[in-house]
N, C-alpha and C. Protein backbone atom coordinates (compact mmCIF):
# COMPACT_ATOMS: atom_id res chain seq x y z
N UNK A 1 55.61 -53.69 -81.62
CA UNK A 1 55.13 -54.25 -80.37
C UNK A 1 56.25 -55.04 -79.71
N UNK A 2 56.41 -54.84 -78.40
CA UNK A 2 57.45 -55.56 -77.67
C UNK A 2 57.06 -57.01 -77.47
N UNK A 3 58.06 -57.87 -77.51
CA UNK A 3 57.83 -59.28 -77.26
C UNK A 3 57.90 -59.52 -75.76
N UNK A 4 56.92 -60.21 -75.21
CA UNK A 4 56.89 -60.50 -73.79
C UNK A 4 57.61 -61.80 -73.53
N UNK A 5 58.43 -61.82 -72.49
CA UNK A 5 59.13 -63.03 -72.09
C UNK A 5 58.79 -63.33 -70.64
N UNK A 6 58.28 -64.53 -70.38
CA UNK A 6 57.91 -64.89 -69.02
C UNK A 6 59.13 -65.16 -68.17
N UNK A 7 60.21 -65.63 -68.79
CA UNK A 7 61.40 -65.98 -68.04
C UNK A 7 62.53 -65.07 -68.47
N UNK A 8 63.42 -64.78 -67.59
CA UNK A 8 64.55 -63.91 -67.89
C UNK A 8 64.73 -62.92 -66.77
N UNK A 9 65.81 -62.19 -66.85
CA UNK A 9 66.08 -61.24 -65.77
C UNK A 9 65.50 -59.88 -66.12
N UNK A 10 64.93 -59.24 -65.12
CA UNK A 10 64.35 -57.92 -65.28
C UNK A 10 64.90 -57.04 -64.17
N UNK A 11 65.09 -55.77 -64.47
CA UNK A 11 65.53 -54.84 -63.43
C UNK A 11 64.34 -54.34 -62.63
N UNK A 12 63.16 -54.44 -63.21
CA UNK A 12 61.94 -54.06 -62.50
C UNK A 12 61.22 -55.34 -62.09
N UNK A 13 60.16 -55.16 -61.34
CA UNK A 13 59.30 -56.28 -61.01
C UNK A 13 58.48 -56.67 -62.23
N UNK A 14 57.55 -57.56 -62.03
CA UNK A 14 56.67 -58.02 -63.10
C UNK A 14 55.24 -57.94 -62.61
N UNK A 15 54.34 -57.52 -63.50
CA UNK A 15 52.91 -57.52 -63.22
C UNK A 15 52.31 -58.75 -63.88
N UNK A 16 51.72 -59.62 -63.08
CA UNK A 16 51.05 -60.81 -63.60
C UNK A 16 49.55 -60.58 -63.58
N UNK A 17 48.88 -60.93 -64.67
CA UNK A 17 47.42 -60.85 -64.75
C UNK A 17 46.91 -62.27 -64.59
N UNK A 18 46.30 -62.53 -63.43
CA UNK A 18 45.95 -63.90 -63.05
C UNK A 18 44.43 -64.08 -63.04
N UNK A 19 43.91 -64.93 -63.93
CA UNK A 19 42.47 -65.19 -63.92
C UNK A 19 42.09 -66.05 -62.72
N UNK A 20 40.88 -65.85 -62.23
CA UNK A 20 40.37 -66.63 -61.11
C UNK A 20 39.12 -67.38 -61.56
N UNK A 21 38.77 -68.46 -60.87
CA UNK A 21 37.64 -69.28 -61.29
C UNK A 21 36.32 -68.51 -61.32
N UNK A 22 35.47 -68.95 -62.24
CA UNK A 22 34.12 -68.39 -62.34
C UNK A 22 33.17 -69.48 -61.83
N UNK A 23 33.04 -69.59 -60.52
CA UNK A 23 32.09 -70.53 -59.95
C UNK A 23 32.60 -71.91 -59.60
N UNK A 24 33.76 -72.33 -60.10
CA UNK A 24 34.27 -73.67 -59.81
C UNK A 24 35.75 -73.58 -59.48
N UNK A 25 36.09 -73.80 -58.22
CA UNK A 25 37.49 -73.67 -57.79
C UNK A 25 38.41 -74.63 -58.52
N UNK A 26 37.86 -75.72 -59.07
CA UNK A 26 38.66 -76.67 -59.83
C UNK A 26 39.20 -76.09 -61.13
N UNK A 27 38.68 -74.93 -61.54
CA UNK A 27 39.16 -74.29 -62.77
C UNK A 27 40.42 -73.46 -62.55
N UNK A 28 40.87 -73.34 -61.32
CA UNK A 28 42.10 -72.60 -61.03
C UNK A 28 43.28 -73.40 -61.55
N UNK A 29 44.16 -72.76 -62.31
CA UNK A 29 45.28 -73.49 -62.90
C UNK A 29 46.44 -73.61 -61.91
N UNK A 30 47.25 -74.63 -62.12
CA UNK A 30 48.44 -74.83 -61.28
C UNK A 30 49.35 -73.62 -61.38
N UNK A 31 49.53 -73.12 -62.59
CA UNK A 31 50.40 -71.95 -62.78
C UNK A 31 49.88 -70.74 -62.02
N UNK A 32 48.56 -70.52 -62.05
CA UNK A 32 47.98 -69.38 -61.34
C UNK A 32 48.24 -69.50 -59.83
N UNK A 33 48.07 -70.69 -59.29
CA UNK A 33 48.32 -70.92 -57.87
C UNK A 33 49.79 -70.64 -57.54
N UNK A 34 50.69 -71.14 -58.38
CA UNK A 34 52.12 -70.92 -58.15
C UNK A 34 52.48 -69.44 -58.18
N UNK A 35 51.93 -68.72 -59.15
CA UNK A 35 52.20 -67.28 -59.24
C UNK A 35 51.68 -66.57 -57.99
N UNK A 36 50.45 -66.88 -57.58
CA UNK A 36 49.88 -66.21 -56.41
C UNK A 36 50.66 -66.52 -55.13
N UNK A 37 51.28 -67.70 -55.07
CA UNK A 37 52.09 -68.05 -53.90
C UNK A 37 53.44 -67.36 -53.90
N UNK A 38 53.96 -67.01 -55.07
CA UNK A 38 55.34 -66.51 -55.13
C UNK A 38 55.48 -65.00 -55.33
N UNK A 39 54.42 -64.32 -55.75
CA UNK A 39 54.54 -62.87 -55.92
C UNK A 39 54.64 -62.18 -54.56
N UNK A 40 55.08 -60.94 -54.59
CA UNK A 40 55.21 -60.16 -53.36
C UNK A 40 53.86 -59.62 -52.88
N UNK A 41 52.94 -59.38 -53.82
CA UNK A 41 51.68 -58.73 -53.49
C UNK A 41 50.61 -59.12 -54.50
N UNK A 42 49.37 -59.22 -54.02
CA UNK A 42 48.23 -59.47 -54.90
C UNK A 42 47.31 -58.25 -54.85
N UNK A 43 47.09 -57.63 -56.01
CA UNK A 43 46.16 -56.51 -56.13
C UNK A 43 44.80 -57.10 -56.50
N UNK A 44 43.84 -56.99 -55.57
CA UNK A 44 42.56 -57.68 -55.71
C UNK A 44 41.40 -56.71 -55.83
N UNK A 45 40.45 -57.06 -56.70
CA UNK A 45 39.24 -56.25 -56.85
C UNK A 45 38.51 -56.14 -55.51
N UNK A 46 38.36 -57.26 -54.82
CA UNK A 46 37.73 -57.29 -53.49
C UNK A 46 38.57 -58.22 -52.63
N UNK A 47 39.30 -57.65 -51.69
CA UNK A 47 40.23 -58.46 -50.89
C UNK A 47 39.51 -59.53 -50.08
N UNK A 48 38.29 -59.26 -49.64
CA UNK A 48 37.54 -60.27 -48.86
C UNK A 48 37.21 -61.47 -49.74
N UNK A 49 36.77 -61.20 -50.94
CA UNK A 49 36.43 -62.29 -51.88
C UNK A 49 37.70 -63.07 -52.25
N UNK A 50 38.75 -62.35 -52.57
CA UNK A 50 40.01 -62.99 -52.95
C UNK A 50 40.59 -63.79 -51.80
N UNK A 51 40.43 -63.31 -50.57
CA UNK A 51 40.98 -64.03 -49.42
C UNK A 51 40.36 -65.42 -49.29
N UNK A 52 39.08 -65.57 -49.63
CA UNK A 52 38.46 -66.90 -49.59
C UNK A 52 39.15 -67.84 -50.58
N UNK A 53 39.46 -67.34 -51.77
CA UNK A 53 40.17 -68.13 -52.78
C UNK A 53 41.57 -68.49 -52.27
N UNK A 54 42.27 -67.51 -51.74
CA UNK A 54 43.62 -67.74 -51.24
C UNK A 54 43.62 -68.75 -50.10
N UNK A 55 42.66 -68.64 -49.20
CA UNK A 55 42.57 -69.60 -48.09
C UNK A 55 42.37 -71.02 -48.61
N UNK A 56 41.52 -71.17 -49.61
CA UNK A 56 41.24 -72.49 -50.17
C UNK A 56 42.52 -73.15 -50.69
N UNK A 57 43.38 -72.36 -51.33
CA UNK A 57 44.61 -72.90 -51.91
C UNK A 57 45.83 -72.69 -51.00
N UNK A 58 45.58 -72.31 -49.75
CA UNK A 58 46.64 -72.12 -48.75
C UNK A 58 47.73 -71.16 -49.23
N UNK A 59 47.26 -70.04 -49.77
CA UNK A 59 48.16 -68.99 -50.28
C UNK A 59 48.22 -67.89 -49.22
N UNK A 60 49.41 -67.55 -48.79
CA UNK A 60 49.61 -66.60 -47.69
C UNK A 60 50.02 -65.20 -48.16
N UNK A 61 50.08 -64.96 -49.45
CA UNK A 61 50.55 -63.69 -49.99
C UNK A 61 49.65 -62.53 -49.55
N UNK A 62 50.28 -61.40 -49.24
CA UNK A 62 49.55 -60.20 -48.83
C UNK A 62 48.72 -59.66 -49.99
N UNK A 63 47.54 -59.12 -49.66
CA UNK A 63 46.67 -58.52 -50.67
C UNK A 63 46.51 -57.02 -50.41
N UNK A 64 46.17 -56.33 -51.49
CA UNK A 64 45.85 -54.90 -51.41
C UNK A 64 44.65 -54.67 -52.33
N UNK A 65 43.75 -53.79 -51.92
CA UNK A 65 42.56 -53.54 -52.75
C UNK A 65 42.93 -52.75 -54.00
N UNK A 66 42.33 -53.15 -55.11
CA UNK A 66 42.51 -52.44 -56.37
C UNK A 66 41.20 -52.57 -57.14
N UNK A 67 40.38 -51.53 -57.06
CA UNK A 67 39.05 -51.58 -57.68
C UNK A 67 38.74 -50.24 -58.34
N UNK A 68 37.57 -50.17 -58.95
CA UNK A 68 37.22 -48.99 -59.75
C UNK A 68 37.22 -47.69 -58.95
N UNK A 69 37.07 -47.75 -57.64
CA UNK A 69 37.01 -46.52 -56.84
C UNK A 69 38.36 -46.04 -56.32
N UNK A 70 39.41 -46.89 -56.43
CA UNK A 70 40.72 -46.45 -55.93
C UNK A 70 41.84 -46.61 -56.96
N UNK A 71 41.48 -46.87 -58.20
CA UNK A 71 42.46 -47.12 -59.25
C UNK A 71 43.50 -46.01 -59.35
N UNK A 72 43.06 -44.77 -59.46
CA UNK A 72 43.99 -43.66 -59.66
C UNK A 72 44.91 -43.45 -58.46
N UNK A 73 44.42 -43.76 -57.27
CA UNK A 73 45.24 -43.63 -56.07
C UNK A 73 46.27 -44.77 -55.99
N UNK A 74 45.86 -45.97 -56.39
CA UNK A 74 46.72 -47.15 -56.22
C UNK A 74 47.81 -47.27 -57.29
N UNK A 75 47.55 -46.81 -58.50
CA UNK A 75 48.51 -47.03 -59.59
C UNK A 75 49.91 -46.51 -59.24
N UNK A 76 50.08 -45.27 -58.78
CA UNK A 76 51.44 -44.82 -58.45
C UNK A 76 52.11 -45.69 -57.38
N UNK A 77 51.34 -46.10 -56.40
CA UNK A 77 51.86 -46.96 -55.33
C UNK A 77 52.33 -48.31 -55.88
N UNK A 78 51.52 -48.91 -56.74
CA UNK A 78 51.87 -50.21 -57.32
C UNK A 78 53.04 -50.08 -58.29
N UNK A 79 53.06 -49.01 -59.08
CA UNK A 79 54.19 -48.79 -60.00
C UNK A 79 55.50 -48.61 -59.23
N UNK A 80 55.45 -47.94 -58.09
CA UNK A 80 56.66 -47.76 -57.28
C UNK A 80 57.17 -49.11 -56.78
N UNK A 81 56.27 -49.97 -56.37
CA UNK A 81 56.67 -51.32 -55.92
C UNK A 81 57.28 -52.10 -57.08
N UNK A 82 56.66 -52.01 -58.25
CA UNK A 82 57.20 -52.71 -59.42
C UNK A 82 58.57 -52.15 -59.80
N UNK A 83 58.73 -50.84 -59.72
CA UNK A 83 60.01 -50.21 -60.04
C UNK A 83 61.11 -50.65 -59.07
N UNK A 84 60.71 -51.01 -57.85
CA UNK A 84 61.67 -51.48 -56.84
C UNK A 84 61.93 -52.98 -56.95
N UNK A 85 61.39 -53.61 -58.00
CA UNK A 85 61.66 -55.02 -58.23
C UNK A 85 60.65 -55.98 -57.65
N UNK A 86 59.59 -55.47 -57.02
CA UNK A 86 58.57 -56.36 -56.47
C UNK A 86 57.71 -56.94 -57.60
N UNK A 87 57.16 -58.12 -57.34
CA UNK A 87 56.25 -58.75 -58.30
C UNK A 87 54.83 -58.63 -57.75
N UNK A 88 53.91 -58.35 -58.66
CA UNK A 88 52.51 -58.15 -58.27
C UNK A 88 51.62 -58.98 -59.19
N UNK A 89 50.64 -59.64 -58.58
CA UNK A 89 49.60 -60.33 -59.35
C UNK A 89 48.32 -59.52 -59.22
N UNK A 90 47.67 -59.30 -60.34
CA UNK A 90 46.38 -58.62 -60.31
C UNK A 90 45.30 -59.66 -60.55
N UNK A 91 44.26 -59.65 -59.70
CA UNK A 91 43.13 -60.57 -59.86
C UNK A 91 41.82 -59.80 -59.78
N UNK A 92 40.81 -60.34 -60.43
CA UNK A 92 39.46 -59.81 -60.26
C UNK A 92 38.68 -60.83 -59.44
N UNK A 93 37.42 -60.54 -59.15
CA UNK A 93 36.63 -61.46 -58.33
C UNK A 93 36.39 -62.78 -59.03
N UNK A 94 36.21 -62.75 -60.33
CA UNK A 94 35.97 -63.97 -61.10
C UNK A 94 36.33 -63.70 -62.55
N UNK A 95 37.14 -64.57 -63.11
CA UNK A 95 37.52 -64.43 -64.51
C UNK A 95 38.81 -63.66 -64.70
N UNK A 96 38.91 -63.03 -65.84
CA UNK A 96 40.14 -62.39 -66.29
C UNK A 96 40.20 -60.92 -65.88
N UNK A 97 41.27 -60.48 -65.22
CA UNK A 97 41.40 -59.06 -64.90
C UNK A 97 41.32 -58.21 -66.17
N UNK A 98 40.74 -57.04 -66.05
CA UNK A 98 40.59 -56.06 -67.13
C UNK A 98 39.43 -56.34 -68.07
N UNK A 99 38.88 -57.54 -68.07
CA UNK A 99 37.74 -57.83 -68.95
C UNK A 99 36.48 -57.56 -68.14
N UNK A 100 35.85 -56.42 -68.38
CA UNK A 100 34.69 -55.95 -67.62
C UNK A 100 34.99 -55.89 -66.13
N UNK A 101 36.23 -55.66 -65.79
CA UNK A 101 36.69 -55.56 -64.40
C UNK A 101 37.82 -54.53 -64.35
N UNK A 102 38.19 -54.10 -63.15
CA UNK A 102 39.31 -53.15 -63.04
C UNK A 102 40.60 -53.76 -63.59
N UNK A 103 41.50 -52.90 -64.03
CA UNK A 103 42.81 -53.40 -64.39
C UNK A 103 43.48 -52.76 -65.57
N UNK A 104 42.71 -52.36 -66.56
CA UNK A 104 43.34 -51.88 -67.80
C UNK A 104 44.24 -50.67 -67.55
N UNK A 105 43.86 -49.82 -66.60
CA UNK A 105 44.67 -48.63 -66.31
C UNK A 105 46.04 -49.01 -65.73
N UNK A 106 46.06 -50.02 -64.86
CA UNK A 106 47.32 -50.48 -64.28
C UNK A 106 48.18 -51.13 -65.35
N UNK A 107 47.58 -51.91 -66.22
CA UNK A 107 48.32 -52.56 -67.30
C UNK A 107 48.94 -51.49 -68.20
N UNK A 108 48.16 -50.49 -68.59
CA UNK A 108 48.67 -49.41 -69.44
C UNK A 108 49.83 -48.68 -68.76
N UNK A 109 49.67 -48.38 -67.48
CA UNK A 109 50.71 -47.67 -66.74
C UNK A 109 51.98 -48.52 -66.64
N UNK A 110 51.82 -49.82 -66.43
CA UNK A 110 52.98 -50.72 -66.35
C UNK A 110 53.70 -50.78 -67.69
N UNK A 111 52.95 -50.90 -68.77
CA UNK A 111 53.56 -50.94 -70.10
C UNK A 111 54.31 -49.63 -70.36
N UNK A 112 53.66 -48.51 -70.06
CA UNK A 112 54.30 -47.20 -70.27
C UNK A 112 55.57 -47.04 -69.45
N UNK A 113 55.63 -47.70 -68.28
CA UNK A 113 56.80 -47.61 -67.40
C UNK A 113 57.86 -48.66 -67.73
N UNK A 114 57.59 -49.48 -68.74
CA UNK A 114 58.56 -50.51 -69.13
C UNK A 114 58.57 -51.73 -68.22
N UNK A 115 57.50 -51.91 -67.46
CA UNK A 115 57.39 -53.07 -66.57
C UNK A 115 56.83 -54.25 -67.37
N UNK A 116 57.45 -55.42 -67.26
CA UNK A 116 56.90 -56.59 -67.95
C UNK A 116 55.50 -56.93 -67.43
N UNK A 117 54.59 -57.21 -68.35
CA UNK A 117 53.22 -57.62 -68.01
C UNK A 117 53.04 -59.02 -68.56
N UNK A 118 52.70 -59.96 -67.67
CA UNK A 118 52.56 -61.36 -68.07
C UNK A 118 51.13 -61.82 -67.82
N UNK A 119 50.34 -62.00 -68.89
CA UNK A 119 48.98 -62.51 -68.72
C UNK A 119 48.99 -64.03 -68.65
N UNK A 120 48.23 -64.59 -67.73
CA UNK A 120 48.08 -66.04 -67.65
C UNK A 120 46.77 -66.42 -68.32
N UNK A 121 46.73 -67.54 -69.03
CA UNK A 121 45.47 -68.00 -69.61
C UNK A 121 44.58 -68.56 -68.52
N UNK A 122 43.28 -68.58 -68.79
CA UNK A 122 42.39 -69.16 -67.80
C UNK A 122 40.95 -68.77 -68.02
N UNK A 123 40.20 -68.74 -66.93
CA UNK A 123 38.75 -68.54 -66.96
C UNK A 123 38.36 -67.27 -67.70
N UNK A 124 37.39 -67.44 -68.61
CA UNK A 124 36.87 -66.32 -69.38
C UNK A 124 35.41 -66.64 -69.70
N UNK A 125 34.49 -65.90 -69.12
CA UNK A 125 33.07 -66.18 -69.28
C UNK A 125 32.59 -66.05 -70.72
N UNK A 126 33.12 -65.08 -71.46
CA UNK A 126 32.64 -64.84 -72.82
C UNK A 126 32.91 -66.03 -73.74
N UNK A 127 34.13 -66.50 -73.77
CA UNK A 127 34.43 -67.63 -74.67
C UNK A 127 33.80 -68.92 -74.17
N UNK A 128 33.69 -69.08 -72.86
CA UNK A 128 33.03 -70.27 -72.32
C UNK A 128 31.57 -70.31 -72.75
N UNK A 129 30.89 -69.18 -72.64
CA UNK A 129 29.49 -69.11 -73.07
C UNK A 129 29.36 -69.33 -74.57
N UNK A 130 30.28 -68.78 -75.34
CA UNK A 130 30.24 -68.93 -76.79
C UNK A 130 30.35 -70.39 -77.21
N UNK A 131 31.31 -71.12 -76.65
CA UNK A 131 31.48 -72.51 -77.09
C UNK A 131 30.35 -73.41 -76.62
N UNK A 132 29.64 -73.01 -75.56
CA UNK A 132 28.52 -73.81 -75.06
C UNK A 132 27.20 -73.44 -75.73
N UNK A 133 27.19 -72.38 -76.54
CA UNK A 133 25.95 -71.87 -77.12
C UNK A 133 25.48 -72.63 -78.35
N UNK A 134 26.40 -73.27 -79.04
CA UNK A 134 26.04 -73.90 -80.30
C UNK A 134 26.01 -72.92 -81.46
N UNK A 135 26.29 -71.65 -81.20
CA UNK A 135 26.34 -70.64 -82.26
C UNK A 135 27.68 -70.72 -82.98
N UNK A 136 27.72 -70.26 -84.23
CA UNK A 136 29.01 -70.22 -84.92
C UNK A 136 29.97 -69.29 -84.18
N UNK A 137 31.20 -69.71 -83.94
CA UNK A 137 32.13 -68.88 -83.17
C UNK A 137 32.74 -67.73 -83.96
N UNK A 138 32.58 -67.70 -85.26
CA UNK A 138 33.07 -66.59 -86.06
C UNK A 138 31.92 -66.03 -86.90
N UNK A 139 31.74 -64.76 -86.98
CA UNK A 139 32.48 -63.74 -86.24
C UNK A 139 32.01 -63.69 -84.79
N UNK A 140 32.87 -63.20 -83.95
CA UNK A 140 32.58 -63.11 -82.52
C UNK A 140 32.94 -61.70 -82.06
N UNK A 141 32.02 -61.07 -81.34
CA UNK A 141 32.25 -59.73 -80.80
C UNK A 141 31.96 -59.77 -79.31
N UNK A 142 32.90 -59.30 -78.52
CA UNK A 142 32.67 -59.15 -77.09
C UNK A 142 32.44 -57.67 -76.82
N UNK A 143 31.29 -57.35 -76.28
CA UNK A 143 30.95 -55.95 -76.03
C UNK A 143 31.21 -55.53 -74.58
N UNK A 144 30.99 -56.42 -73.66
CA UNK A 144 31.09 -56.07 -72.24
C UNK A 144 29.70 -55.85 -71.68
N UNK A 145 29.63 -55.16 -70.56
CA UNK A 145 28.34 -54.93 -69.91
C UNK A 145 27.53 -53.89 -70.68
N UNK A 146 26.26 -54.18 -70.85
CA UNK A 146 25.33 -53.22 -71.45
C UNK A 146 24.88 -52.23 -70.38
N UNK A 147 24.40 -51.05 -70.80
CA UNK A 147 23.85 -50.10 -69.82
C UNK A 147 22.71 -50.74 -69.03
N UNK A 148 22.50 -50.28 -67.82
CA UNK A 148 21.46 -50.86 -66.96
C UNK A 148 20.06 -50.34 -67.30
N UNK A 149 19.97 -49.08 -67.70
CA UNK A 149 18.66 -48.50 -67.99
C UNK A 149 18.13 -49.06 -69.31
N UNK A 150 16.84 -49.43 -69.31
CA UNK A 150 16.24 -50.10 -70.46
C UNK A 150 16.39 -49.31 -71.76
N UNK A 151 16.11 -48.02 -71.72
CA UNK A 151 16.20 -47.21 -72.93
C UNK A 151 17.61 -47.18 -73.49
N UNK A 152 18.58 -46.95 -72.62
CA UNK A 152 19.99 -46.92 -73.05
C UNK A 152 20.42 -48.29 -73.56
N UNK A 153 19.97 -49.33 -72.87
CA UNK A 153 20.33 -50.69 -73.27
C UNK A 153 19.77 -51.00 -74.66
N UNK A 154 18.50 -50.64 -74.90
CA UNK A 154 17.89 -50.90 -76.20
C UNK A 154 18.59 -50.14 -77.32
N UNK A 155 18.94 -48.87 -77.07
CA UNK A 155 19.66 -48.09 -78.09
C UNK A 155 21.01 -48.73 -78.41
N UNK A 156 21.69 -49.18 -77.39
CA UNK A 156 23.01 -49.80 -77.60
C UNK A 156 22.87 -51.10 -78.38
N UNK A 157 21.86 -51.89 -78.06
CA UNK A 157 21.63 -53.14 -78.79
C UNK A 157 21.26 -52.87 -80.25
N UNK A 158 20.49 -51.81 -80.50
CA UNK A 158 20.16 -51.45 -81.88
C UNK A 158 21.41 -51.08 -82.67
N UNK A 159 22.34 -50.37 -82.03
CA UNK A 159 23.60 -50.01 -82.70
C UNK A 159 24.42 -51.25 -83.04
N UNK A 160 24.35 -52.24 -82.17
CA UNK A 160 25.15 -53.46 -82.38
C UNK A 160 24.53 -54.41 -83.39
N UNK A 161 23.21 -54.28 -83.61
CA UNK A 161 22.51 -55.22 -84.51
C UNK A 161 22.89 -55.03 -85.96
């Protein structure tokens, strides 16, 4: 496994995975704000939603949509920008990119292309709920979203039990 370095010189750009607040703007980290202000582009799950966050923190960086319906179209475009030395931050509407949100495909493509990927720590609904539950934190399994249909959901829960 390659060691990730946040600082240093790169011939390519860098892909930053930036978590966003889950309901409380005060949870946005200073580092996340700085990254969003300094990157060349922000790839956002919903640009309208992200723009409200950016406006709140007076961030002027350009955004581009990156969601489940345009992932395959956007990846080559974003990889080309990264290959040209541009820096990109990926954000979801709330929480950590790629966790039950778009992003894993771009991360995989960036890794395969030798582009540095830098994840920032921050908001994560699963661990926040776990520590507030009073349940033992080990063992802990994060499954993601369950199927919407009752029958499928029940079968999936039975498999997990």
